[in-house]
């Protein structure tokens, strides 16, 4: 029984390895033969990263792409939300989550803002904004709910306007 399970596991593993495309045919005329050229081609095609190039690009100023600074919507969102403490800021995941925030006028109400970036293009449908509202009574019994308020639309409009300005200034 043990040999059957081992054999079946081996067949399944080979099936998955074969489906990964390990044995993909390549045209030698289009493939670089020298190591540095192959590495550059892999990075260009999104198949790898070079630590040396990453280190060089961090040490140089004036690189073409400096982390999230080239994404106008990302930068605009961070500028707009600079008054709120942030709990999660993940550029690679495309999400910004604020901490609970309340102003002095409404001490028993707090809001939490979540912004998800669906694309880098400056368009309204590429932002998913969620506003969560927490209301607490005097005995600190709190209820939290997703709120569809005008803050969501105002925030989206403000971020898009700021992103458009940043993008316009970057192109100048």
Foldseek 3Di string as FASTA:
>chain_A
DVVVVVVVVVVVVVVVVVVVCPVPDDDPVPADDDDVVNQVVCVVVVNDDDPVVVVVVVVDPPDPDDPCLVQLLLVLLCVVCVVFAWDDDDVVQQKTKTDWDDDPVQPQKTKIKMWGAQDSDLDLVRIDIWIKMWGADPVRPIDIDTDDDVVRVVSSVSSSVRSVVSNVVVVD
